[in-house]
Amino acid sequence: MSRRDGIGRERIGLVASVAALALGGIAAGFKLEREIVGRRLRPAIAGADAEPFFALQSDGPEVETLDGVQLHVEVDELDAESALRGDEADSDVTLVFLHGYALNLHTWHFQRKHFRGKHRMIFYDQRSHGRSGRSSAKLDRIPQLAADLAQILREVAGERPVILIGHSMGGMTIMELAGQHPEWFGADAPVDGVGPIIGVGLICTSSDDLLDHHPVRGLPGRVAARLAEPAMAALNRIPAMVEQTRQAGSDLSFLVTRQLTFPSPVPPSYVKFVGEMLAQTPLEVIADFYPAFNQLDEYQGTQVINRIPTTVIGGRQDLVTPFRHTELLMEELPNADTLILDPCGHMAMIEYHDQVDAMLEKLIDRSRGGRT
């Protein structure tokens, strides 16, 4: 069967849904929203922030890419007790986390909290995201993100064994890296100054072009594709007004984010957290990355990754990278451990963080015991 069988031929669901999420705050001034929606949601949103999102931070080196983009990097080192225990505490492994499209390194809040002090961990904002510098539009592509990851591995991770964990666009970056540098995956020793990559975690991602139906019911994918780019271009001509309304937040944006991201009941603070990350991503960046996902073909990379311990996690109600993409990954990675969450949307590492953490624990154990 062709690897593209069953993948919809309409247009890209990922960009359409992320754009819908990112644009949700534009209606912030609507009277109907203020008077009807606001009365129901504001008390819940305001009172639900027990989880200290955005609070986990650490120092790290600034990495300048070959084209001059400054990547914001943070490194969580081992605590003293774990370091003293040596290999028994997995202190020889570095975990590198890659976030997804229109998000930032804080995506990994729960995993960072769970593993902090137990392992050396590297987090960074992908180019044009978070606190990293803006890239030229032509380089906002998956091959360039893989080149950035290669530079992080050389300059920050060093020669100790590495486990790569990616969500959405971050997972695509890992698969592209495997195609570019297969010699790094499953090696016995460091190659080119990069430690052997001994394990991979892929969460709500895709190895194939995201030609898919638009997530908004009643709007055909081809229509959405024709409208998306000119609509974002028009909004980019009035950036001050758009960014002020998006970043001010609104109850409507909360509802849009909740509907498209979390099909299971989650605390309102989770929805607000994702909405804030999306609001921090300029619309120009969302538009610049648009072509990247229509060019995706990471079959070569998955064949490399299948040689080492791998975990694939997907959500059945994911509207950004629909579940059929997870099914395709499972076909391409028959040796992988899998976790299918139901009901679950695109942000599995937040929506079901305990289950995701447990699967990553298993991945670390398998990777350290299965080095070739």
Protein backbone atom coordinates (compact mmCIF):
# COMPACT_ATOMS: atom_id res chain seq x y z
CA MET A 1 0.00 0.00 0.00
CA SER A 2 1.27 3.48 -0.84
CA ARG A 3 2.47 5.40 2.20
CA ARG A 4 0.13 8.19 1.19
CA ASP A 5 -2.98 5.97 1.06
CA GLY A 6 -5.60 7.20 3.46
CA ILE A 7 -4.02 10.66 3.80
CA GLY A 8 -6.58 13.24 2.70
CA ARG A 9 -5.83 15.21 -0.47
CA GLU A 10 -7.57 18.44 0.42
CA ARG A 11 -5.08 20.81 2.05
CA ILE A 12 -3.12 21.32 5.18
CA GLY A 13 -5.10 20.93 8.41
CA LEU A 14 -2.16 21.87 10.61
CA VAL A 15 -1.75 25.43 9.39
CA ALA A 16 -5.50 25.99 9.13
CA SER A 17 -6.15 24.90 12.69
CA VAL A 18 -3.15 26.72 14.17
CA ALA A 19 -4.17 29.85 12.29
CA ALA A 20 -7.69 29.49 13.70
CA LEU A 21 -6.25 29.19 17.19
CA ALA A 22 -3.86 32.09 16.74
CA LEU A 23 -6.55 34.35 15.30
CA GLY A 24 -9.07 33.54 17.98
CA GLY A 25 -8.34 36.68 19.98
CA ILE A 26 -9.20 39.14 17.21
CA ALA A 27 -12.84 39.29 18.29
CA ALA A 28 -11.89 40.50 21.75
CA GLY A 29 -14.11 43.58 21.59
CA PHE A 30 -17.38 41.95 20.55
CA LYS A 31 -20.25 42.99 22.81
CA LEU A 32 -21.84 39.55 22.57
CA GLU A 33 -18.63 37.95 23.77
CA ARG A 34 -18.26 40.38 26.65
CA GLU A 35 -21.79 40.10 27.90
CA ILE A 36 -22.69 36.45 27.29
CA VAL A 37 -19.53 34.38 27.06
CA GLY A 38 -17.57 36.46 29.52
CA ARG A 39 -19.89 35.97 32.48
CA ARG A 40 -19.52 32.19 32.22
CA LEU A 41 -15.79 31.83 31.65
CA ARG A 42 -13.87 34.61 33.36
CA PRO A 43 -14.26 33.36 36.95
CA ALA A 44 -13.10 29.86 35.96
CA ILE A 45 -10.13 31.12 33.96
CA ALA A 46 -9.03 33.61 36.59
CA GLY A 47 -9.23 31.15 39.47
CA ALA A 48 -7.56 28.11 37.91
CA ASP A 49 -3.89 29.07 37.74
CA ALA A 50 -2.48 26.84 40.45
CA GLU A 51 0.02 25.31 38.01
CA PRO A 52 3.03 27.67 37.61
CA PHE A 53 3.22 27.67 33.83
CA PHE A 54 6.15 29.63 32.34
CA ALA A 55 7.95 29.49 35.72
CA LEU A 56 10.43 26.71 34.90
CA GLN A 57 13.47 28.38 33.37
CA SER A 58 17.22 27.94 33.40
CA ASP A 59 20.35 29.37 31.87
CA GLY A 60 21.84 28.12 28.65
CA PRO A 61 24.16 29.21 25.87
CA GLU A 62 22.96 31.36 23.01
CA VAL A 63 23.57 29.43 19.81
CA GLU A 64 24.00 31.42 16.60
CA THR A 65 23.10 29.52 13.44
CA LEU A 66 25.10 29.80 10.25
CA ASP A 67 22.56 32.27 8.84
CA GLY A 68 22.81 34.46 11.94
CA VAL A 69 19.70 33.48 13.91
CA GLN A 70 20.14 33.47 17.69
CA LEU A 71 18.53 30.36 19.20
CA HIS A 72 17.34 30.66 22.79
CA VAL A 73 18.55 27.57 24.67
CA GLU A 74 17.98 26.44 28.26
CA VAL A 75 19.82 23.56 29.98
CA ASP A 76 18.60 21.80 33.11
CA GLU A 77 21.56 20.05 34.70
CA LEU A 78 21.45 17.07 37.06
CA ASP A 79 20.98 17.79 40.73
CA ALA A 80 23.93 16.96 42.99
CA GLU A 81 22.42 13.75 44.35
CA SER A 82 21.70 12.32 40.90
CA ALA A 83 25.14 13.27 39.65
CA LEU A 84 26.80 11.42 42.53
CA ARG A 85 24.82 8.25 41.75
CA GLY A 86 26.31 8.20 38.25
CA ASP A 87 25.00 5.74 35.68
CA GLU A 88 22.47 4.28 38.09
CA ALA A 89 20.62 7.60 37.94
CA ASP A 90 20.80 7.80 34.13
CA SER A 91 23.19 10.72 34.49
CA ASP A 92 24.95 9.77 31.26
CA VAL A 93 21.89 10.54 29.09
CA THR A 94 20.85 13.94 27.75
CA LEU A 95 17.21 14.52 26.85
CA VAL A 96 16.63 17.07 24.06
CA PHE A 97 13.07 18.40 23.71
CA LEU A 98 11.73 20.01 20.51
CA HIS A 99 8.46 21.94 20.57
CA GLY A 100 5.88 22.29 17.82
CA TYR A 101 4.57 24.92 15.41
CA ALA A 102 3.51 28.29 16.86
CA LEU A 103 4.52 27.20 20.39
CA ASN A 104 7.73 27.47 22.43
CA LEU A 105 9.92 25.51 24.84
CA HIS A 106 7.41 25.95 27.69
CA THR A 107 5.28 23.34 25.88
CA TRP A 108 7.26 20.78 27.91
CA HIS A 109 6.29 22.20 31.31
CA PHE A 110 5.04 18.94 32.80
CA GLN A 111 7.88 16.81 31.40
CA ARG A 112 10.42 19.34 32.59
CA LYS A 113 8.94 19.26 36.07
CA HIS A 114 8.80 15.44 36.10
CA PHE A 115 12.38 14.80 34.92
CA ARG A 116 14.08 17.86 36.43
CA GLY A 117 17.18 16.91 38.37
CA LYS A 118 17.05 13.28 37.20
CA HIS A 119 18.52 13.84 33.74
CA ARG A 120 20.39 16.53 31.89
CA MET A 121 17.81 18.22 29.65
CA ILE A 122 18.06 20.70 26.78
CA PHE A 123 15.17 22.89 25.65
CA TYR A 124 15.26 25.52 22.95
CA ASP A 125 12.91 27.76 20.99
CA GLN A 126 12.88 26.86 17.32
CA ARG A 127 13.88 29.68 14.95
CA SER A 128 11.25 32.44 14.71
CA HIS A 129 9.51 31.04 17.82
CA GLY A 130 9.60 32.10 21.46
CA ARG A 131 12.72 34.01 22.41
CA SER A 132 14.75 32.86 19.42
CA GLY A 133 15.52 35.28 16.62
CA ARG A 134 13.46 35.72 13.48
CA SER A 135 14.50 33.83 10.40
CA SER A 136 14.09 34.71 6.76
CA ALA A 137 10.86 33.20 5.47
CA LYS A 138 12.63 30.98 2.94
CA LEU A 139 14.51 29.21 5.75
CA ASP A 140 11.42 28.51 7.84
CA ARG A 141 11.44 24.93 6.62
CA ILE A 142 11.89 21.50 8.20
CA PRO A 143 15.36 20.82 6.67
CA GLN A 144 16.64 24.05 8.21
CA LEU A 145 15.13 23.15 11.59
CA ALA A 146 17.01 19.84 11.38
CA ALA A 147 20.23 21.73 10.65
CA ASP A 148 19.54 23.88 13.73
CA LEU A 149 19.04 20.73 15.81
CA ALA A 150 22.33 19.33 14.51
CA GLN A 151 24.05 22.50 15.69
CA ILE A 152 22.42 22.22 19.14
CA LEU A 153 23.65 18.64 19.40
CA ARG A 154 27.20 19.62 18.45
CA GLU A 155 27.49 22.76 20.56
CA VAL A 156 25.30 22.04 23.59
CA ALA A 157 24.58 18.32 23.96
CA GLY A 158 28.16 17.18 23.45
CA GLU A 159 29.26 13.57 23.21
CA ARG A 160 27.11 11.85 25.83
CA PRO A 161 24.20 9.67 24.60
CA VAL A 162 21.10 11.59 23.52
CA ILE A 163 17.37 10.88 23.48
CA LEU A 164 15.39 13.19 21.19
CA ILE A 165 11.74 13.98 22.05
CA GLY A 166 9.64 16.01 19.63
CA HIS A 167 6.07 17.25 19.45
CA SER A 168 4.40 18.00 16.10
CA MET A 169 6.90 20.11 14.09
CA GLY A 170 9.57 19.04 16.60
CA GLY A 171 8.98 15.40 15.69
CA MET A 172 9.23 16.26 12.00
CA THR A 173 12.56 17.95 12.76
CA ILE A 174 13.88 14.76 14.39
CA MET A 175 12.81 12.60 11.43
CA GLU A 176 14.48 15.03 9.01
CA LEU A 177 17.67 14.93 11.09
CA ALA A 178 17.65 11.12 10.84
CA GLY A 179 17.53 11.43 7.06
CA GLN A 180 20.36 13.97 7.05
CA HIS A 181 22.60 12.19 9.59
CA PRO A 182 21.71 8.50 9.83
CA GLU A 183 25.18 7.76 11.19
CA TRP A 184 24.29 9.51 14.46
CA PHE A 185 21.42 7.15 15.27
CA GLY A 186 22.31 4.00 17.20
CA ALA A 187 26.04 4.52 16.93
CA ASP A 188 28.42 2.89 19.43
CA ALA A 189 30.36 6.10 20.02
CA PRO A 190 30.18 9.81 19.24
CA VAL A 191 30.37 10.73 15.56
CA ASP A 192 31.47 14.22 14.44
CA GLY A 193 31.40 15.35 18.06
CA VAL A 194 27.76 14.30 18.50
CA GLY A 195 26.86 11.70 21.08
CA PRO A 196 25.02 8.61 19.85
CA ILE A 197 21.28 9.14 19.53
CA ILE A 198 19.92 6.13 21.39
CA GLY A 199 16.19 6.84 21.54
CA VAL A 200 13.42 8.92 19.97
CA GLY A 201 10.00 10.02 21.23
CA LEU A 202 7.44 11.28 18.68
CA ILE A 203 4.29 12.95 19.97
CA CYS A 204 1.31 14.00 17.81
CA THR A 205 3.37 14.37 14.67
CA SER A 206 3.56 13.24 11.05
CA SER A 207 6.09 11.85 8.59
CA ASP A 208 3.99 12.77 5.55
CA ASP A 209 2.60 15.94 3.98
CA LEU A 210 -0.33 17.26 5.94
CA LEU A 211 -2.83 17.44 3.08
CA ASP A 212 -5.94 17.21 5.13
CA HIS A 213 -9.44 18.54 5.64
CA HIS A 214 -9.86 21.84 7.40
CA PRO A 215 -10.90 21.30 11.03
CA VAL A 216 -13.76 23.82 10.92
CA ARG A 217 -16.92 21.91 10.06
CA GLY A 218 -18.50 22.96 6.78
CA LEU A 219 -15.41 24.66 5.35
CA PRO A 220 -13.81 22.50 2.63
CA GLY A 221 -10.06 22.13 2.83
CA ARG A 222 -9.42 23.58 -0.64
CA VAL A 223 -11.42 26.69 0.23
CA ALA A 224 -9.53 27.05 3.51
CA ALA A 225 -6.20 26.75 1.74
CA ARG A 226 -7.11 29.49 -0.77
CA LEU A 227 -8.27 31.77 2.04
CA ALA A 228 -5.57 31.15 4.65
CA GLU A 229 -2.54 32.81 3.10
CA PRO A 230 -4.23 35.98 1.75
CA ALA A 231 -6.13 36.38 5.03
CA MET A 232 -2.93 36.21 7.05
CA ALA A 233 -1.18 38.52 4.58
CA ALA A 234 -3.96 41.08 4.95
CA LEU A 235 -3.80 40.90 8.73
CA ASN A 236 -0.04 41.33 8.60
CA ARG A 237 -0.59 44.71 6.95
CA ILE A 238 -2.18 45.93 10.18
CA PRO A 239 0.14 44.18 12.64
CA ALA A 240 -0.21 46.56 15.58
CA MET A 241 -3.99 46.19 15.83
CA VAL A 242 -3.89 42.43 15.30
CA GLU A 243 -1.15 41.73 17.81
CA GLN A 244 -2.74 43.97 20.46
CA THR A 245 -6.06 42.18 20.21
CA ARG A 246 -4.49 38.72 20.10
CA GLN A 247 -2.19 39.25 23.05
CA ALA A 248 -4.84 40.98 25.12
CA GLY A 249 -6.69 37.66 25.16
CA SER A 250 -10.43 37.09 25.04
CA ASP A 251 -13.10 34.66 26.03
CA LEU A 252 -13.67 33.80 22.37
CA SER A 253 -10.03 32.85 21.92
CA PHE A 254 -10.33 30.71 25.05
CA LEU A 255 -13.32 28.89 23.55
CA VAL A 256 -11.58 28.39 20.19
CA THR A 257 -8.45 27.05 21.86
CA ARG A 258 -10.50 24.77 24.11
CA GLN A 259 -12.54 23.40 21.21
CA LEU A 260 -9.62 22.73 18.88
CA THR A 261 -7.05 21.57 21.40
CA PHE A 262 -8.53 19.70 24.37
CA PRO A 263 -11.40 17.24 23.72
CA SER A 264 -11.21 15.90 27.30
CA PRO A 265 -11.98 17.92 30.43
CA VAL A 266 -8.88 19.85 31.51
CA PRO A 267 -8.38 22.71 33.96
CA PRO A 268 -9.02 26.12 32.37
CA SER A 269 -5.43 27.07 33.14
CA TYR A 270 -4.23 24.49 30.59
CA VAL A 271 -6.28 26.18 27.88
CA LYS A 272 -5.07 29.62 28.90
CA PHE A 273 -1.47 28.37 28.86
CA VAL A 274 -1.69 27.11 25.28
CA GLY A 275 -3.55 30.26 24.21
CA GLU A 276 -0.80 32.45 25.61
CA MET A 277 1.91 30.53 23.75
CA LEU A 278 -0.03 30.84 20.50
CA ALA A 279 -0.63 34.55 21.07
CA GLN A 280 3.12 35.11 21.38
CA THR A 281 3.74 33.73 17.88
CA PRO A 282 3.53 36.48 15.22
CA LEU A 283 1.14 35.86 12.35
CA GLU A 284 4.03 36.40 9.95
CA VAL A 285 5.74 33.35 11.43
CA ILE A 286 2.59 31.26 11.05
CA ALA A 287 2.38 32.32 7.40
CA ASP A 288 6.11 31.85 6.75
CA PHE A 289 6.00 28.20 7.82
CA TYR A 290 2.87 27.47 5.76
CA PRO A 291 4.66 25.79 2.79
CA ALA A 292 6.88 23.66 5.02
CA PHE A 293 4.21 21.12 5.92
CA ASN A 294 3.04 20.65 2.35
CA GLN A 295 6.54 19.47 1.41
CA LEU A 296 6.89 16.86 4.13
CA ASP A 297 8.18 13.38 3.33
CA GLU A 298 10.19 11.82 6.15
CA TYR A 299 10.00 8.17 5.13
CA GLN A 300 13.79 7.92 4.87
CA GLY A 301 14.14 9.27 8.40
CA THR A 302 11.64 6.84 9.89
CA GLN A 303 13.60 3.91 8.44
CA VAL A 304 16.67 5.14 10.32
CA ILE A 305 14.77 5.78 13.56
CA ASN A 306 13.23 2.31 13.47
CA ARG A 307 16.70 0.91 14.28
CA ILE A 308 16.64 2.33 17.83
CA PRO A 309 14.13 2.37 20.72
CA THR A 310 11.26 4.67 19.76
CA THR A 311 7.95 5.74 21.26
CA VAL A 312 5.00 7.05 19.24
CA ILE A 313 2.18 8.87 21.05
CA GLY A 314 -0.98 10.11 19.33
CA GLY A 315 -4.42 11.51 20.14
CA ARG A 316 -7.50 10.16 18.39
CA GLN A 317 -9.16 13.59 18.28
CA ASP A 318 -6.08 15.50 17.14
CA LEU A 319 -7.29 18.15 14.69
CA VAL A 320 -3.84 19.55 13.92
CA THR A 321 -2.02 16.35 12.93
CA PRO A 322 -5.00 14.00 12.54
CA PHE A 323 -4.78 10.50 13.96
CA ARG A 324 -4.30 8.89 10.54
CA HIS A 325 -0.80 10.39 10.58
CA THR A 326 -0.06 8.58 13.85
CA GLU A 327 -1.34 5.37 12.25
CA LEU A 328 1.04 5.88 9.33
CA LEU A 329 3.92 6.42 11.74
CA MET A 330 3.08 3.18 13.51
CA GLU A 331 3.23 1.39 10.16
CA GLU A 332 6.62 2.92 9.38
CA LEU A 333 7.96 2.27 12.89
CA PRO A 334 6.83 -1.29 13.65
CA ASN A 335 9.37 -1.63 16.48
CA ALA A 336 8.07 1.41 18.37
CA ASP A 337 6.18 1.40 21.64
CA THR A 338 2.87 3.20 21.12
CA LEU A 339 0.40 5.07 23.28
CA ILE A 340 -2.96 6.03 21.78
CA LEU A 341 -4.92 8.48 23.93
CA ASP A 342 -8.69 8.82 23.63
CA PRO A 343 -10.16 11.38 23.89
CA CYS A 344 -7.07 13.45 23.22
CA GLY A 345 -6.17 16.39 21.00
CA HIS A 346 -2.90 17.81 19.76
CA MET A 347 -1.35 18.75 23.11
CA ALA A 348 -1.03 15.25 24.56
CA MET A 349 1.97 16.16 26.72
CA ILE A 350 -0.28 18.62 28.57
CA GLU A 351 -3.68 16.94 28.35
CA TYR A 352 -2.35 13.54 29.53
CA HIS A 353 0.98 14.51 31.03
CA ASP A 354 1.13 11.66 33.57
CA GLN A 355 0.69 9.00 30.87
CA VAL A 356 3.15 10.73 28.54
CA ASP A 357 5.73 11.02 31.33
CA ALA A 358 5.36 7.30 32.08
CA MET A 359 5.91 6.41 28.41
CA LEU A 360 9.00 8.60 28.26
CA GLU A 361 10.33 6.88 31.39
CA LYS A 362 9.95 3.55 29.57
CA LEU A 363 11.66 5.00 26.51
CA ILE A 364 14.64 6.10 28.60
CA ASP A 365 14.92 2.65 30.18
CA ARG A 366 14.68 0.89 26.81
CA SER A 367 17.19 3.26 25.23
CA ARG A 368 19.81 2.81 27.92
CA GLY A 369 19.38 -0.97 27.90
CA GLY A 370 19.23 -1.33 24.12
CA ARG A 371 22.32 0.54 22.93
CA THR A 372 23.90 -1.17 19.97
